[in-house]
Amino acid sequence: MLDKLKGIKERYEQLTHTLSQPETLSDQAQYRQLSKEHAELTELAATYDEYSALQAELESNQEMANDPDEDTEIREMAQQEIETLSKKIAVIQDKARLLLLPKDPDDSRDTILEIRAGTGGEEAALFAYDLFRMYTKYAELKRWRVGIIEQHGTDIGGFKEVILSIEGKNVYSRLKFESGVHRVQRIPKTETQGRVHTSAATVAVMPEVEEVDVEINPNDIRTDVYRSSGPGGQSVNTTDSAVRITHIPTGLIVTCQNEKSQLKNKNQALKVLRARLYEKELAEQQSSTAEQRKSMIGSGDRSERIRTYNFPQGRLTDHRVNLTLYQLDSILLGNIDPVIDALVTHNQAQLLQSGPG
């Protein structure tokens, strides 16, 4: 680990020197690339400096503590300092191990988030709206930008389906463990006997990718246009601006009618299609490396039940990490960091067990 840190520190200093002489670089693209690498190594380089300083101080105190010519009081003070420094070094070492864990290359990407009502009819659609509000409130707290790509509402304010584009710092790293089935237990407003009903909604979180990441052959897609409509079949547009794209090789279908422009709808649909194709490719890669997959939280499978929201008890339970919180009202208002932090910490622990690679 220390050899790795030392090598990173040397690379960081080399980059610092190179970036101080931008005229020696070939172009702006190279400057941006090296600047990004420099920024990624900054915390690791600082951690190495902190460790080196503590280690030097520790060795100095060990010399004093073991020196028979030193005053007894000085040696006792040095011994006390050794204990303090040893604890600090242990903390730094744990921090370094986490920083050296292999990074998910998609963590810094923006995100496509899809929510669909599952079993439970209208109650499931209302729960899908609750999840939509929870994620958009969370995005507000994080100062992320949210755009609605597609939505299919119901007459009483629920969502059959809603697709969001979320942009900002490290969006995917925070939301990537949200994929799966979210189950709700509550008494519907229409329930006269006071019985608790169970319904569900499915969440899919995909990194947003560029055209260079996923190339779509124009001959592989069929584009249909039609007149967009609102909840309950209500017409919201008098022109054929809605777009349906079918990816013929995979059978994937994406529709978009949220924009008034046909071109904008097509571009948004292609953005979602690229994300789904990328997700499909990742799933195939991961299924071929089962051992690596075991270190992840769940499988990212949309059919996997990951969480229960129990309204009568005000309780949220995440079944993957056995986390139960009695803060449901706060969580549904976007305060989901306690849940996400627990998932991220658990995932880091799993990765540490399998070694930093």
Protein backbone atom coordinates (compact mmCIF):
# COMPACT_ATOMS: atom_id res chain seq x y z
CA MET A 1 0.00 0.00 0.00
CA LEU A 2 2.78 2.43 0.92
CA ASP A 3 4.63 1.69 -2.32
CA LYS A 4 1.44 2.52 -4.23
CA LEU A 5 1.04 5.78 -2.32
CA LYS A 6 4.66 6.71 -2.93
CA GLY A 7 4.27 6.07 -6.66
CA ILE A 8 1.11 8.20 -6.72
CA LYS A 9 2.91 11.01 -4.90
CA GLU A 10 5.72 10.94 -7.49
CA ARG A 11 3.20 10.99 -10.35
CA TYR A 12 1.34 13.89 -8.66
CA GLU A 13 4.56 15.95 -8.42
CA GLN A 14 5.38 15.16 -12.05
CA LEU A 15 1.92 16.36 -13.13
CA THR A 16 2.23 19.50 -10.99
CA HIS A 17 5.48 20.35 -12.77
CA THR A 18 4.06 19.60 -16.23
CA LEU A 19 0.90 21.66 -15.66
CA SER A 20 3.01 24.61 -14.49
CA GLN A 21 4.43 24.73 -18.03
CA PRO A 22 1.32 24.52 -20.23
CA GLU A 23 3.27 25.71 -23.26
CA THR A 24 5.02 22.30 -23.35
CA LEU A 25 1.70 20.47 -23.88
CA SER A 26 0.43 19.59 -27.35
CA ASP A 27 -3.11 21.00 -27.02
CA GLN A 28 -5.97 21.93 -24.70
CA ALA A 29 -7.31 18.36 -24.73
CA GLN A 30 -4.05 17.06 -23.21
CA TYR A 31 -4.07 19.87 -20.64
CA ARG A 32 -7.65 18.97 -19.59
CA GLN A 33 -6.77 15.27 -19.39
CA LEU A 34 -3.70 15.87 -17.21
CA SER A 35 -5.58 18.39 -15.04
CA LYS A 36 -8.30 15.78 -14.40
CA GLU A 37 -5.69 13.16 -13.42
CA HIS A 38 -3.96 15.74 -11.17
CA ALA A 39 -7.25 16.50 -9.40
CA GLU A 40 -7.98 12.79 -8.89
CA LEU A 41 -4.58 12.22 -7.26
CA THR A 42 -4.64 15.31 -4.99
CA GLU A 43 -6.25 13.64 -1.96
CA LEU A 44 -4.02 10.55 -2.22
CA ALA A 45 -0.89 12.70 -2.46
CA ALA A 46 -1.98 14.71 0.59
CA THR A 47 -2.67 11.46 2.48
CA TYR A 48 0.85 10.23 1.69
CA ASP A 49 2.32 13.53 2.97
CA GLU A 50 0.27 13.26 6.16
CA TYR A 51 1.35 9.65 6.68
CA SER A 52 5.03 10.47 6.04
CA ALA A 53 4.98 13.34 8.56
CA LEU A 54 3.34 11.18 11.25
CA GLN A 55 5.73 8.31 10.58
CA ALA A 56 8.76 10.60 10.92
CA GLU A 57 7.38 11.96 14.19
CA LEU A 58 6.72 8.42 15.42
CA GLU A 59 10.28 7.31 14.68
CA SER A 60 11.67 10.37 16.47
CA ASN A 61 9.64 9.59 19.59
CA GLN A 62 10.64 5.92 19.45
CA GLU A 63 14.29 6.96 19.47
CA MET A 64 13.69 9.17 22.54
CA ALA A 65 11.71 6.47 24.33
CA ASN A 66 14.45 3.88 23.76
CA ASP A 67 17.39 6.19 24.58
CA PRO A 68 18.81 5.21 28.01
CA ASP A 69 20.57 8.56 28.24
CA GLU A 70 17.29 10.52 28.09
CA ASP A 71 15.56 11.80 31.21
CA THR A 72 12.88 9.39 32.54
CA GLU A 73 10.15 12.02 32.23
CA ILE A 74 11.08 12.71 28.59
CA ARG A 75 11.00 8.99 27.81
CA GLU A 76 7.54 8.65 29.41
CA MET A 77 6.24 11.63 27.41
CA ALA A 78 7.68 10.10 24.24
CA GLN A 79 5.92 6.80 25.01
CA GLN A 80 2.60 8.60 25.42
CA GLU A 81 3.19 10.39 22.13
CA ILE A 82 3.94 7.06 20.43
CA GLU A 83 0.50 5.73 21.46
CA THR A 84 -1.24 8.85 20.11
CA LEU A 85 0.71 8.82 16.83
CA SER A 86 0.11 5.08 16.33
CA LYS A 87 -3.66 5.65 16.49
CA LYS A 88 -3.43 8.54 14.03
CA ILE A 89 -1.36 6.44 11.63
CA ALA A 90 -3.91 3.60 11.80
CA VAL A 91 -6.67 6.06 10.83
CA ILE A 92 -4.58 7.38 7.92
CA GLN A 93 -3.89 3.83 6.74
CA ASP A 94 -7.62 3.02 6.72
CA LYS A 95 -8.29 6.21 4.78
CA ALA A 96 -5.58 5.32 2.25
CA ARG A 97 -7.02 1.82 1.74
CA LEU A 98 -10.40 3.33 0.88
CA LEU A 99 -8.85 5.88 -1.47
CA LEU A 100 -6.90 3.12 -3.24
CA LEU A 101 -10.00 1.01 -3.91
CA PRO A 102 -10.67 0.59 -7.64
CA LYS A 103 -12.92 3.40 -8.85
CA ASP A 104 -16.12 2.73 -10.76
CA PRO A 105 -15.39 4.55 -14.04
CA ASP A 106 -19.06 5.56 -14.25
CA ASP A 107 -19.22 7.23 -10.81
CA SER A 108 -18.72 10.75 -12.14
CA ARG A 109 -21.30 10.39 -14.91
CA ASP A 110 -24.71 12.01 -15.05
CA THR A 111 -27.67 9.67 -14.69
CA ILE A 112 -30.87 8.46 -16.32
CA LEU A 113 -33.34 7.44 -13.62
CA GLU A 114 -36.52 5.55 -14.51
CA ILE A 115 -39.44 4.92 -12.15
CA ARG A 116 -42.31 2.60 -13.10
CA ALA A 117 -45.42 1.61 -11.18
CA GLY A 118 -45.45 -2.14 -10.48
CA THR A 119 -48.02 -4.36 -8.81
CA GLY A 120 -50.76 -2.52 -6.97
CA GLY A 121 -52.64 -0.54 -9.61
CA GLU A 122 -53.37 3.10 -8.78
CA GLU A 123 -51.71 2.80 -5.37
CA ALA A 124 -48.46 1.71 -7.09
CA ALA A 125 -48.70 4.72 -9.41
CA LEU A 126 -49.11 7.05 -6.42
CA PHE A 127 -46.06 5.43 -4.79
CA ALA A 128 -44.11 5.94 -8.04
CA TYR A 129 -44.94 9.66 -7.70
CA ASP A 130 -43.69 9.58 -4.06
CA LEU A 131 -40.36 8.14 -5.27
CA PHE A 132 -40.20 10.74 -8.05
CA ARG A 133 -40.65 13.50 -5.47
CA MET A 134 -38.09 11.91 -3.11
CA TYR A 135 -35.39 11.78 -5.80
CA THR A 136 -36.10 15.27 -7.15
CA LYS A 137 -36.00 16.72 -3.61
CA TYR A 138 -32.72 14.90 -3.01
CA ALA A 139 -31.34 16.34 -6.24
CA GLU A 140 -32.35 19.85 -5.07
CA LEU A 141 -30.45 19.32 -1.81
CA LYS A 142 -27.39 18.22 -3.82
CA ARG A 143 -27.77 21.15 -6.26
CA TRP A 144 -28.11 18.74 -9.18
CA ARG A 145 -30.10 19.59 -12.32
CA VAL A 146 -33.19 17.49 -13.05
CA GLY A 147 -35.03 17.24 -16.35
CA ILE A 148 -38.08 15.12 -17.16
CA ILE A 149 -37.44 13.12 -20.33
CA GLU A 150 -40.73 11.24 -20.36
CA GLN A 151 -43.76 10.88 -18.10
CA HIS A 152 -47.02 8.98 -18.18
CA GLY A 153 -49.30 10.17 -15.41
CA THR A 154 -52.62 8.95 -14.05
CA ASP A 155 -55.83 10.87 -13.51
CA ILE A 156 -55.37 11.09 -9.72
CA GLY A 157 -51.76 12.30 -9.69
CA GLY A 158 -49.69 9.13 -9.90
CA PHE A 159 -47.10 7.99 -12.42
CA LYS A 160 -47.29 4.88 -14.56
CA GLU A 161 -43.78 5.79 -15.68
CA VAL A 162 -41.40 8.74 -15.40
CA ILE A 163 -37.88 9.05 -16.80
CA LEU A 164 -35.50 11.67 -15.42
CA SER A 165 -32.15 13.08 -16.49
CA ILE A 166 -30.07 14.07 -13.44
CA GLU A 167 -26.87 16.07 -13.93
CA GLY A 168 -24.30 17.19 -11.39
CA LYS A 169 -21.27 16.16 -9.38
CA ASN A 170 -20.92 12.40 -8.79
CA VAL A 171 -24.63 11.75 -9.44
CA TYR A 172 -24.23 8.11 -10.46
CA SER A 173 -21.95 7.30 -7.50
CA ARG A 174 -24.73 8.35 -5.11
CA LEU A 175 -27.73 6.87 -6.93
CA LYS A 176 -26.38 3.66 -8.49
CA PHE A 177 -27.58 1.40 -5.65
CA GLU A 178 -31.21 2.57 -6.03
CA SER A 179 -31.98 0.13 -8.87
CA GLY A 180 -34.52 -2.54 -7.97
CA VAL A 181 -38.02 -3.04 -6.60
CA HIS A 182 -39.18 -0.58 -3.94
CA ARG A 183 -42.13 -1.91 -1.93
CA VAL A 184 -44.66 0.21 -0.06
CA GLN A 185 -47.01 -0.83 2.76
CA ARG A 186 -49.76 1.65 3.63
CA ILE A 187 -53.50 2.17 3.92
CA PRO A 188 -54.85 3.59 0.63
CA LYS A 189 -57.19 6.59 0.90
CA THR A 190 -59.89 4.52 -0.79
CA GLU A 191 -59.60 1.71 1.80
CA THR A 192 -62.63 1.84 4.11
CA GLN A 193 -61.64 -1.08 6.37
CA GLY A 194 -58.27 0.41 7.33
CA ARG A 195 -56.33 -2.51 5.85
CA VAL A 196 -52.68 -2.11 4.89
CA HIS A 197 -52.05 -2.79 1.19
CA THR A 198 -48.71 -3.70 -0.38
CA SER A 199 -47.71 -2.36 -3.78
CA ALA A 200 -44.45 -1.71 -5.58
CA ALA A 201 -42.56 0.44 -8.04
CA THR A 202 -39.42 -0.34 -10.00
CA VAL A 203 -36.42 2.00 -10.16
CA ALA A 204 -33.66 1.75 -12.76
CA VAL A 205 -30.54 3.93 -12.52
CA MET A 206 -28.23 4.07 -15.54
CA PRO A 207 -25.13 6.16 -16.24
CA GLU A 208 -25.67 8.67 -19.04
CA VAL A 209 -23.26 7.93 -21.88
CA GLU A 210 -22.05 9.83 -24.91
CA GLU A 211 -22.28 8.82 -28.55
CA VAL A 212 -18.58 7.87 -28.46
CA ASP A 213 -19.29 5.39 -25.62
CA VAL A 214 -22.20 3.64 -27.35
CA GLU A 215 -22.40 3.87 -31.11
CA ILE A 216 -25.85 3.24 -32.56
CA ASN A 217 -26.03 2.24 -36.21
CA PRO A 218 -28.81 4.32 -37.84
CA ASN A 219 -29.81 1.19 -39.79
CA ASP A 220 -30.49 -0.60 -36.48
CA ILE A 221 -33.26 1.75 -35.35
CA ARG A 222 -36.81 2.39 -36.49
CA THR A 223 -38.32 5.76 -35.67
CA ASP A 224 -42.08 6.29 -35.47
CA VAL A 225 -43.76 9.62 -34.79
CA TYR A 226 -47.21 10.14 -33.34
CA ARG A 227 -49.34 12.71 -31.56
CA SER A 228 -48.47 13.05 -27.88
CA SER A 229 -51.16 12.74 -25.22
CA GLY A 230 -51.50 13.51 -21.52
CA PRO A 231 -53.03 11.57 -18.62
CA GLY A 232 -56.15 9.63 -19.52
CA GLY A 233 -55.60 10.07 -23.25
CA GLN A 234 -56.00 13.83 -23.09
CA SER A 235 -54.39 15.44 -26.13
CA VAL A 236 -51.56 17.81 -25.29
CA ASN A 237 -50.19 18.38 -28.77
CA THR A 238 -51.80 18.91 -32.16
CA THR A 239 -48.71 17.85 -34.15
CA ASP A 240 -46.91 14.53 -34.51
CA SER A 241 -44.03 15.47 -32.19
CA ALA A 242 -43.91 12.33 -30.02
CA VAL A 243 -41.23 9.83 -30.98
CA ARG A 244 -40.93 6.07 -30.54
CA ILE A 245 -37.53 4.50 -31.27
CA THR A 246 -37.16 0.75 -31.66
CA HIS A 247 -33.67 -0.77 -31.53
CA ILE A 248 -34.13 -3.72 -33.87
CA PRO A 249 -31.20 -5.96 -32.73
CA THR A 250 -32.25 -5.91 -29.05
CA GLY A 251 -35.96 -5.10 -29.28
CA LEU A 252 -35.53 -2.17 -26.87
CA ILE A 253 -38.24 0.49 -27.30
CA VAL A 254 -37.98 4.08 -26.05
CA THR A 255 -40.72 6.70 -26.35
CA CYS A 256 -40.47 10.42 -25.67
CA GLN A 257 -43.19 13.05 -25.95
CA ASN A 258 -42.25 15.56 -23.27
CA GLU A 259 -40.73 18.13 -25.65
CA LYS A 260 -42.77 20.11 -28.18
CA SER A 261 -40.13 19.54 -30.85
CA GLN A 262 -39.92 16.19 -32.65
CA LEU A 263 -36.13 16.57 -32.96
CA LYS A 264 -35.72 17.21 -29.23
CA ASN A 265 -37.88 14.20 -28.42
CA LYS A 266 -35.79 12.03 -30.74
CA ASN A 267 -32.53 13.23 -29.15
CA GLN A 268 -33.90 12.54 -25.66
CA ALA A 269 -35.08 9.08 -26.73
CA LEU A 270 -31.64 8.31 -28.18
CA LYS A 271 -30.05 9.42 -24.88
CA VAL A 272 -32.20 6.90 -22.99
CA LEU A 273 -31.55 4.18 -25.58
CA ARG A 274 -27.78 4.66 -25.27
CA ALA A 275 -28.02 4.38 -21.47
CA ARG A 276 -30.07 1.17 -21.70
CA LEU A 277 -27.70 -0.39 -24.24
CA TYR A 278 -24.73 0.53 -22.04
CA GLU A 279 -26.46 -0.96 -18.98
CA LYS A 280 -27.22 -4.15 -20.94
CA GLU A 281 -23.58 -4.46 -21.99
CA LEU A 282 -22.38 -3.93 -18.39
CA ALA A 283 -24.82 -6.58 -17.10
CA GLU A 284 -23.48 -9.08 -19.62
CA GLN A 285 -19.88 -8.32 -18.62
CA GLN A 286 -20.68 -8.65 -14.91
CA SER A 287 -22.57 -11.93 -15.33
CA SER A 288 -19.43 -13.41 -16.88
CA THR A 289 -17.37 -12.41 -13.82
CA ALA A 290 -19.54 -13.80 -11.03
CA GLU A 291 -16.92 -13.45 -8.31
CA GLN A 292 -16.52 -9.73 -8.95
CA ARG A 293 -20.29 -9.37 -8.91
CA LYS A 294 -20.50 -10.84 -5.40
CA SER A 295 -18.66 -7.80 -4.05
CA MET A 296 -21.42 -5.52 -5.25
CA ILE A 297 -24.57 -4.69 -3.31
CA GLY A 298 -27.28 -6.77 -4.92
CA SER A 299 -27.18 -7.31 -8.63
CA GLY A 300 -28.70 -4.07 -9.91
CA ASP A 301 -31.47 -6.32 -11.20
CA ARG A 302 -34.73 -4.44 -11.59
CA SER A 303 -36.63 -7.49 -10.30
CA GLU A 304 -34.74 -7.60 -6.99
CA ARG A 305 -36.69 -6.30 -3.98
CA ILE A 306 -34.33 -3.91 -2.26
CA ARG A 307 -36.36 -1.73 0.08
CA THR A 308 -39.65 -1.48 2.00
CA TYR A 309 -41.40 1.77 2.93
CA ASN A 310 -43.86 1.06 5.77
CA PHE A 311 -46.14 4.07 6.33
CA PRO A 312 -48.08 2.88 9.44
CA GLN A 313 -44.77 2.41 11.29
CA GLY A 314 -42.96 5.36 9.65
CA ARG A 315 -40.24 2.86 8.79
CA LEU A 316 -37.82 2.33 5.92
CA THR A 317 -35.92 -0.96 5.63
CA ASP A 318 -33.17 -1.64 3.12
CA HIS A 319 -32.99 -5.42 2.87
CA ARG A 320 -29.49 -5.58 1.37
CA VAL A 321 -27.70 -4.10 4.39
CA ASN A 322 -30.34 -4.84 7.08
CA LEU A 323 -30.79 -1.11 7.68
CA THR A 324 -33.97 0.09 9.38
CA LEU A 325 -34.71 3.77 9.95
CA TYR A 326 -37.82 5.28 11.56
CA GLN A 327 -37.50 8.53 9.57
CA LEU A 328 -39.83 7.83 6.66
CA ASP A 329 -41.36 11.33 6.43
CA SER A 330 -37.91 12.94 6.31
CA ILE A 331 -36.58 10.39 3.80
CA LEU A 332 -39.51 10.95 1.43
CA LEU A 333 -38.69 14.68 1.51
CA GLY A 334 -35.29 13.87 -0.01
CA ASN A 335 -33.17 13.25 3.09
CA ILE A 336 -31.88 9.89 1.85
CA ASP A 337 -28.17 10.40 2.57
CA PRO A 338 -28.32 8.13 5.69
CA VAL A 339 -29.52 5.27 3.47
CA ILE A 340 -27.10 5.95 0.63
CA ASP A 341 -24.16 6.42 3.03
CA ALA A 342 -24.88 2.99 4.56
CA LEU A 343 -24.95 1.38 1.10
CA VAL A 344 -21.71 3.07 0.01
CA THR A 345 -19.94 2.11 3.27
CA HIS A 346 -21.11 -1.50 2.97
CA ASN A 347 -19.92 -1.67 -0.63
CA GLN A 348 -16.51 -0.26 0.36
CA ALA A 349 -16.21 -2.88 3.11
CA GLN A 350 -17.01 -5.64 0.59
CA LEU A 351 -14.38 -4.28 -1.80
CA LEU A 352 -11.79 -4.06 1.01
CA GLN A 353 -12.41 -7.72 1.89
CA SER A 354 -11.73 -8.72 -1.69
CA GLY A 355 -8.55 -6.61 -1.70
CA PRO A 356 -7.79 -3.23 -3.28
CA GLY A 357 -6.87 -4.85 -6.58
